Amino acid sequence: GYPQQPGYPQQGGYPGGQQPYPLTPAPSTSPSAVTGIIAAVLSGLGGLANVVGGLLATFGLAAMISESTYDIESGAWTGLIAITMLNIVAGVLLSVGTVMLLLRKMTSRWIVVAGCAVSIVSSLISLSLASTIAEYQYGGKGADAVGLAFPIVTIVLALLPSTAASIRAKENGAPHPPYR
């Protein structure tokens, strides 16, 4: 289009073609949703595992207790009953927390943390459970170790500032943050 003016550089209007600032993408003002999404996935899996496992354990315990020589009032079954109940409670909390995380509600983080805490208590009871019941053969220490790792990772992800920032962005009317 226009003829070259004498004394003016041709490239970008700056001497030597240099830009005054390097051309880098501007930092994004919206937070990443990745930690919240991973926390929701882990929470959902934990909720499903705890509810299904707790229900299956309920039926298994009912069968074991009915065929056992131990009396239910003797207290021999207390640990297993506690673990079963804790698993169901953890599963319900984690399931509710998952839905709320997906809806990006701030209280979801604390419901997920509560569910994970209950799951951790259940795993610790299971790890420390002495074989007080002869019919109960337990060999799941590896499963309990994994049962401790997942809720701990989920707690960390749920409590990360980026998860809170993503939820706050939604509460302030921002669209869902990009996956980065």
C-alpha atoms as a PDB file:
ATOM      1  CA  GLY A   1       0.000   0.000   0.000  1.00  0.00           C
ATOM      2  CA  TYR A   2       1.782   3.073   1.199  1.00  0.00           C
ATOM      3  CA  PRO A   3       5.136   4.239  -0.083  1.00  0.00           C
ATOM      4  CA  GLN A   4       8.095   3.852   2.270  1.00  0.00           C
ATOM      5  CA  GLN A   5       8.782   7.070   4.160  1.00  0.00           C
ATOM      6  CA  PRO A   6      12.433   7.937   4.490  1.00  0.00           C
ATOM      7  CA  GLY A   7      13.851   7.589   8.012  1.00  0.00           C
ATOM      8  CA  TYR A   8      11.186   5.159   9.236  1.00  0.00           C
ATOM      9  CA  PRO A   9      11.950   1.467   9.720  1.00  0.00           C
ATOM     10  CA  GLN A  10       9.924  -0.949   7.670  1.00  0.00           C
ATOM     11  CA  GLN A  11       9.219  -3.661  10.281  1.00  0.00           C
ATOM     12  CA  GLY A  12       6.658  -2.877  12.932  1.00  0.00           C
ATOM     13  CA  GLY A  13       7.543   0.780  13.254  1.00  0.00           C
ATOM     14  CA  TYR A  14      10.431   0.167  15.685  1.00  0.00           C
ATOM     15  CA  PRO A  15      14.126   0.701  14.948  1.00  0.00           C
ATOM     16  CA  GLY A  16      15.806  -2.463  13.759  1.00  0.00           C
ATOM     17  CA  GLY A  17      12.436  -4.252  13.684  1.00  0.00           C
ATOM     18  CA  GLN A  18      12.616  -4.884  17.430  1.00  0.00           C
ATOM     19  CA  GLN A  19       9.423  -4.890  19.445  1.00  0.00           C
ATOM     20  CA  PRO A  20       9.612  -3.040  22.772  1.00  0.00           C
ATOM     21  CA  TYR A  21       8.387  -6.151  24.639  1.00  0.00           C
ATOM     22  CA  PRO A  22       8.721  -9.793  23.665  1.00  0.00           C
ATOM     23  CA  LEU A  23       5.563 -11.241  22.172  1.00  0.00           C
ATOM     24  CA  THR A  24       4.462 -13.691  24.848  1.00  0.00           C
ATOM     25  CA  PRO A  25       0.906 -14.746  25.552  1.00  0.00           C
ATOM     26  CA  ALA A  26      -0.747 -12.736  28.282  1.00  0.00           C
ATOM     27  CA  PRO A  27      -1.224 -14.725  31.480  1.00  0.00           C
ATOM     28  CA  SER A  28      -4.696 -16.121  31.821  1.00  0.00           C
ATOM     29  CA  THR A  29      -6.840 -14.511  34.465  1.00  0.00           C
ATOM     30  CA  SER A  30      -9.037 -17.561  34.890  1.00  0.00           C
ATOM     31  CA  PRO A  31      -7.832 -20.344  37.186  1.00  0.00           C
ATOM     32  CA  SER A  32      -7.268 -23.905  36.031  1.00  0.00           C
ATOM     33  CA  ALA A  33      -9.999 -26.405  36.774  1.00  0.00           C
ATOM     34  CA  VAL A  34      -7.724 -29.435  36.500  1.00  0.00           C
ATOM     35  CA  THR A  35      -7.164 -29.959  40.252  1.00  0.00           C
ATOM     36  CA  GLY A  36     -10.886 -29.698  40.959  1.00  0.00           C
ATOM     37  CA  ILE A  37     -11.695 -32.135  38.173  1.00  0.00           C
ATOM     38  CA  ILE A  38      -9.128 -34.670  39.364  1.00  0.00           C
ATOM     39  CA  ALA A  39     -10.398 -34.259  42.942  1.00  0.00           C
ATOM     40  CA  ALA A  40     -13.957 -34.847  41.689  1.00  0.00           C
ATOM     41  CA  VAL A  41     -12.911 -37.973  39.766  1.00  0.00           C
ATOM     42  CA  LEU A  42     -11.025 -39.409  42.763  1.00  0.00           C
ATOM     43  CA  SER A  43     -13.860 -38.448  45.096  1.00  0.00           C
ATOM     44  CA  GLY A  44     -16.397 -40.080  42.803  1.00  0.00           C
ATOM     45  CA  LEU A  45     -14.362 -43.275  42.559  1.00  0.00           C
ATOM     46  CA  GLY A  46     -13.880 -43.275  46.333  1.00  0.00           C
ATOM     47  CA  GLY A  47     -17.587 -42.713  46.886  1.00  0.00           C
ATOM     48  CA  LEU A  48     -18.510 -45.567  44.578  1.00  0.00           C
ATOM     49  CA  ALA A  49     -15.921 -47.927  46.080  1.00  0.00           C
ATOM     50  CA  ASN A  50     -16.948 -47.116  49.649  1.00  0.00           C
ATOM     51  CA  VAL A  51     -20.714 -47.403  49.080  1.00  0.00           C
ATOM     52  CA  VAL A  52     -20.475 -50.619  47.039  1.00  0.00           C
ATOM     53  CA  GLY A  53     -17.829 -52.076  49.349  1.00  0.00           C
ATOM     54  CA  GLY A  54     -19.821 -51.115  52.438  1.00  0.00           C
ATOM     55  CA  LEU A  55     -23.017 -52.665  51.089  1.00  0.00           C
ATOM     56  CA  LEU A  56     -21.241 -55.856  50.044  1.00  0.00           C
ATOM     57  CA  ALA A  57     -19.551 -56.014  53.445  1.00  0.00           C
ATOM     58  CA  THR A  58     -22.944 -55.589  55.110  1.00  0.00           C
ATOM     59  CA  PHE A  59     -24.310 -58.645  53.314  1.00  0.00           C
ATOM     60  CA  GLY A  60     -21.104 -60.600  53.936  1.00  0.00           C
ATOM     61  CA  LEU A  61     -21.089 -59.721  57.622  1.00  0.00           C
ATOM     62  CA  ALA A  62     -24.739 -60.677  57.975  1.00  0.00           C
ATOM     63  CA  ALA A  63     -23.944 -64.097  56.511  1.00  0.00           C
ATOM     64  CA  MET A  64     -20.818 -64.518  58.645  1.00  0.00           C
ATOM     65  CA  ILE A  65     -22.556 -63.463  61.850  1.00  0.00           C
ATOM     66  CA  SER A  66     -25.496 -65.783  61.236  1.00  0.00           C
ATOM     67  CA  GLU A  67     -23.160 -68.767  60.793  1.00  0.00           C
ATOM     68  CA  SER A  68     -20.663 -67.815  63.490  1.00  0.00           C
ATOM     69  CA  THR A  69     -20.243 -69.386  66.888  1.00  0.00           C
ATOM     70  CA  TYR A  70     -19.517 -65.908  68.277  1.00  0.00           C
ATOM     71  CA  ASP A  71     -22.385 -64.021  69.813  1.00  0.00           C
ATOM     72  CA  ILE A  72     -22.993 -60.585  68.293  1.00  0.00           C
ATOM     73  CA  GLU A  73     -23.167 -59.040  71.769  1.00  0.00           C
ATOM     74  CA  SER A  74     -19.690 -60.375  72.637  1.00  0.00           C
ATOM     75  CA  GLY A  75     -18.048 -57.479  70.819  1.00  0.00           C
ATOM     76  CA  ALA A  76     -16.024 -59.724  68.530  1.00  0.00           C
ATOM     77  CA  TRP A  77     -17.710 -58.208  65.490  1.00  0.00           C
ATOM     78  CA  THR A  78     -17.510 -54.572  66.592  1.00  0.00           C
ATOM     79  CA  GLY A  79     -14.473 -53.666  64.485  1.00  0.00           C
ATOM     80  CA  LEU A  80     -15.879 -55.160  61.294  1.00  0.00           C
ATOM     81  CA  ILE A  81     -19.286 -53.584  61.853  1.00  0.00           C
ATOM     82  CA  ALA A  82     -17.606 -50.205  62.487  1.00  0.00           C
ATOM     83  CA  ILE A  83     -15.535 -50.486  59.302  1.00  0.00           C
ATOM     84  CA  THR A  84     -18.626 -51.379  57.299  1.00  0.00           C
ATOM     85  CA  MET A  85     -20.635 -48.466  58.652  1.00  0.00           C
ATOM     86  CA  LEU A  86     -17.741 -46.041  58.191  1.00  0.00           C
ATOM     87  CA  ASN A  87     -17.332 -47.161  54.572  1.00  0.00           C
ATOM     88  CA  ILE A  88     -20.986 -46.427  53.828  1.00  0.00           C
ATOM     89  CA  VAL A  89     -20.808 -43.018  55.553  1.00  0.00           C
ATOM     90  CA  ALA A  90     -17.579 -42.171  53.670  1.00  0.00           C
ATOM     91  CA  GLY A  91     -19.156 -43.279  50.407  1.00  0.00           C
ATOM     92  CA  VAL A  92     -22.213 -41.099  50.882  1.00  0.00           C
ATOM     93  CA  LEU A  93     -20.102 -38.061  51.840  1.00  0.00           C
ATOM     94  CA  LEU A  94     -17.752 -38.572  48.896  1.00  0.00           C
ATOM     95  CA  SER A  95     -20.647 -39.043  46.466  1.00  0.00           C
ATOM     96  CA  VAL A  96     -22.374 -35.861  47.652  1.00  0.00           C
ATOM     97  CA  GLY A  97     -19.041 -34.018  47.615  1.00  0.00           C
ATOM     98  CA  THR A  98     -18.372 -35.189  44.058  1.00  0.00           C
ATOM     99  CA  VAL A  99     -21.661 -33.819  42.767  1.00  0.00           C
ATOM    100  CA  MET A 100     -21.086 -30.551  44.606  1.00  0.00           C
ATOM    101  CA  LEU A 101     -17.508 -30.306  43.265  1.00  0.00           C
ATOM    102  CA  LEU A 102     -18.831 -30.755  39.741  1.00  0.00           C
ATOM    103  CA  LEU A 103     -21.363 -27.998  40.455  1.00  0.00           C
ATOM    104  CA  ARG A 104     -18.418 -25.971  41.828  1.00  0.00           C
ATOM    105  CA  LYS A 105     -19.801 -25.253  45.286  1.00  0.00           C
ATOM    106  CA  MET A 106     -17.259 -24.128  47.904  1.00  0.00           C
ATOM    107  CA  THR A 107     -18.669 -26.417  50.636  1.00  0.00           C
ATOM    108  CA  SER A 108     -17.964 -29.406  48.382  1.00  0.00           C
ATOM    109  CA  ARG A 109     -14.306 -29.259  49.344  1.00  0.00           C
ATOM    110  CA  TRP A 110     -15.086 -29.765  53.022  1.00  0.00           C
ATOM    111  CA  ILE A 111     -17.602 -32.537  52.357  1.00  0.00           C
ATOM    112  CA  VAL A 112     -14.960 -34.349  50.294  1.00  0.00           C
ATOM    113  CA  VAL A 113     -12.389 -33.822  53.066  1.00  0.00           C
ATOM    114  CA  ALA A 114     -14.867 -35.207  55.637  1.00  0.00           C
ATOM    115  CA  GLY A 115     -15.564 -38.252  53.449  1.00  0.00           C
ATOM    116  CA  CYS A 116     -11.846 -38.852  52.968  1.00  0.00           C
ATOM    117  CA  ALA A 117     -11.225 -38.504  56.718  1.00  0.00           C
ATOM    118  CA  VAL A 118     -13.904 -41.119  57.468  1.00  0.00           C
ATOM    119  CA  SER A 119     -12.367 -43.392  54.826  1.00  0.00           C
ATOM    120  CA  ILE A 120      -8.927 -42.966  56.402  1.00  0.00           C
ATOM    121  CA  VAL A 121     -10.300 -43.814  59.858  1.00  0.00           C
ATOM    122  CA  SER A 122     -11.940 -46.931  58.390  1.00  0.00           C
ATOM    123  CA  SER A 123      -8.655 -48.014  56.767  1.00  0.00           C
ATOM    124  CA  LEU A 124      -6.718 -47.403  59.993  1.00  0.00           C
ATOM    125  CA  ILE A 125      -9.199 -49.486  62.003  1.00  0.00           C
ATOM    126  CA  SER A 126      -8.930 -52.223  59.396  1.00  0.00           C
ATOM    127  CA  LEU A 127      -5.125 -52.128  59.520  1.00  0.00           C
ATOM    128  CA  SER A 128      -5.087 -52.314  63.294  1.00  0.00           C
ATOM    129  CA  LEU A 129      -7.817 -54.931  63.598  1.00  0.00           C
ATOM    130  CA  ALA A 130      -6.519 -57.955  65.455  1.00  0.00           C
ATOM    131  CA  SER A 131      -7.759 -61.319  64.290  1.00  0.00           C
ATOM    132  CA  THR A 132     -10.298 -61.630  67.045  1.00  0.00           C
ATOM    133  CA  ILE A 133     -12.650 -63.620  64.871  1.00  0.00           C
ATOM    134  CA  ALA A 134     -11.424 -67.031  63.786  1.00  0.00           C
ATOM    135  CA  GLU A 135     -13.754 -67.149  60.750  1.00  0.00           C
ATOM    136  CA  TYR A 136     -12.494 -63.801  59.513  1.00  0.00           C
ATOM    137  CA  GLN A 137      -9.405 -64.301  57.413  1.00  0.00           C
ATOM    138  CA  TYR A 138      -8.031 -60.968  56.418  1.00  0.00           C
ATOM    139  CA  GLY A 139      -5.111 -60.427  54.101  1.00  0.00           C
ATOM    140  CA  GLY A 140      -5.760 -56.966  52.757  1.00  0.00           C
ATOM    141  CA  LYS A 141      -2.983 -54.831  54.208  1.00  0.00           C
ATOM    142  CA  GLY A 142      -1.894 -53.803  50.696  1.00  0.00           C
ATOM    143  CA  ALA A 143      -5.460 -52.794  49.854  1.00  0.00           C
ATOM    144  CA  ASP A 144      -5.631 -50.781  53.069  1.00  0.00           C
ATOM    145  CA  ALA A 145      -2.390 -48.993  52.186  1.00  0.00           C
ATOM    146  CA  VAL A 146      -3.892 -48.035  48.820  1.00  0.00           C
ATOM    147  CA  GLY A 147      -7.083 -47.218  50.718  1.00  0.00           C
ATOM    148  CA  LEU A 148      -5.044 -44.651  52.647  1.00  0.00           C
ATOM    149  CA  ALA A 149      -3.234 -43.167  49.634  1.00  0.00           C
ATOM    150  CA  PHE A 150      -6.295 -42.260  47.558  1.00  0.00           C
ATOM    151  CA  PRO A 151      -8.128 -40.257  50.217  1.00  0.00           C
ATOM    152  CA  ILE A 152      -4.930 -38.417  51.159  1.00  0.00           C
ATOM    153  CA  VAL A 153      -4.317 -37.406  47.528  1.00  0.00           C
ATOM    154  CA  THR A 154      -7.992 -36.423  47.200  1.00  0.00           C
ATOM    155  CA  ILE A 155      -7.801 -34.244  50.326  1.00  0.00           C
ATOM    156  CA  VAL A 156      -4.700 -32.485  48.987  1.00  0.00           C
ATOM    157  CA  LEU A 157      -6.336 -31.827  45.607  1.00  0.00           C
ATOM    158  CA  ALA A 158      -9.592 -30.636  47.162  1.00  0.00           C
ATOM    159  CA  LEU A 159      -7.751 -28.197  49.425  1.00  0.00           C
ATOM    160  CA  LEU A 160      -5.364 -26.776  46.817  1.00  0.00           C
ATOM    161  CA  PRO A 161      -5.771 -23.044  46.222  1.00  0.00           C
ATOM    162  CA  SER A 162      -6.323 -23.681  42.499  1.00  0.00           C
ATOM    163  CA  THR A 163      -9.404 -25.788  43.295  1.00  0.00           C
ATOM    164  CA  ALA A 164     -10.786 -23.014  45.474  1.00  0.00           C
ATOM    165  CA  ALA A 165      -9.980 -20.406  42.793  1.00  0.00           C
ATOM    166  CA  SER A 166     -11.818 -22.441  40.183  1.00  0.00           C
ATOM    167  CA  ILE A 167     -14.886 -22.660  42.424  1.00  0.00           C
ATOM    168  CA  ARG A 168     -14.691 -18.932  43.233  1.00  0.00           C
ATOM    169  CA  ALA A 169     -14.523 -18.139  39.520  1.00  0.00           C
ATOM    170  CA  LYS A 170     -17.804 -20.011  39.027  1.00  0.00           C
ATOM    171  CA  GLU A 171     -19.388 -18.293  42.026  1.00  0.00           C
ATOM    172  CA  ASN A 172     -18.397 -14.956  40.451  1.00  0.00           C
ATOM    173  CA  GLY A 173     -20.126 -15.902  37.197  1.00  0.00           C
ATOM    174  CA  ALA A 174     -17.063 -16.853  35.160  1.00  0.00           C
ATOM    175  CA  PRO A 175     -17.349 -19.715  32.678  1.00  0.00           C
ATOM    176  CA  HIS A 176     -15.703 -23.039  33.496  1.00  0.00           C
ATOM    177  CA  PRO A 177     -11.926 -22.510  33.450  1.00  0.00           C
ATOM    178  CA  PRO A 178      -9.895 -24.171  30.710  1.00  0.00           C
ATOM    179  CA  TYR A 179      -8.129 -27.458  31.291  1.00  0.00           C
ATOM    180  CA  ARG A 180      -4.434 -26.561  31.508  1.00  0.00           C
END
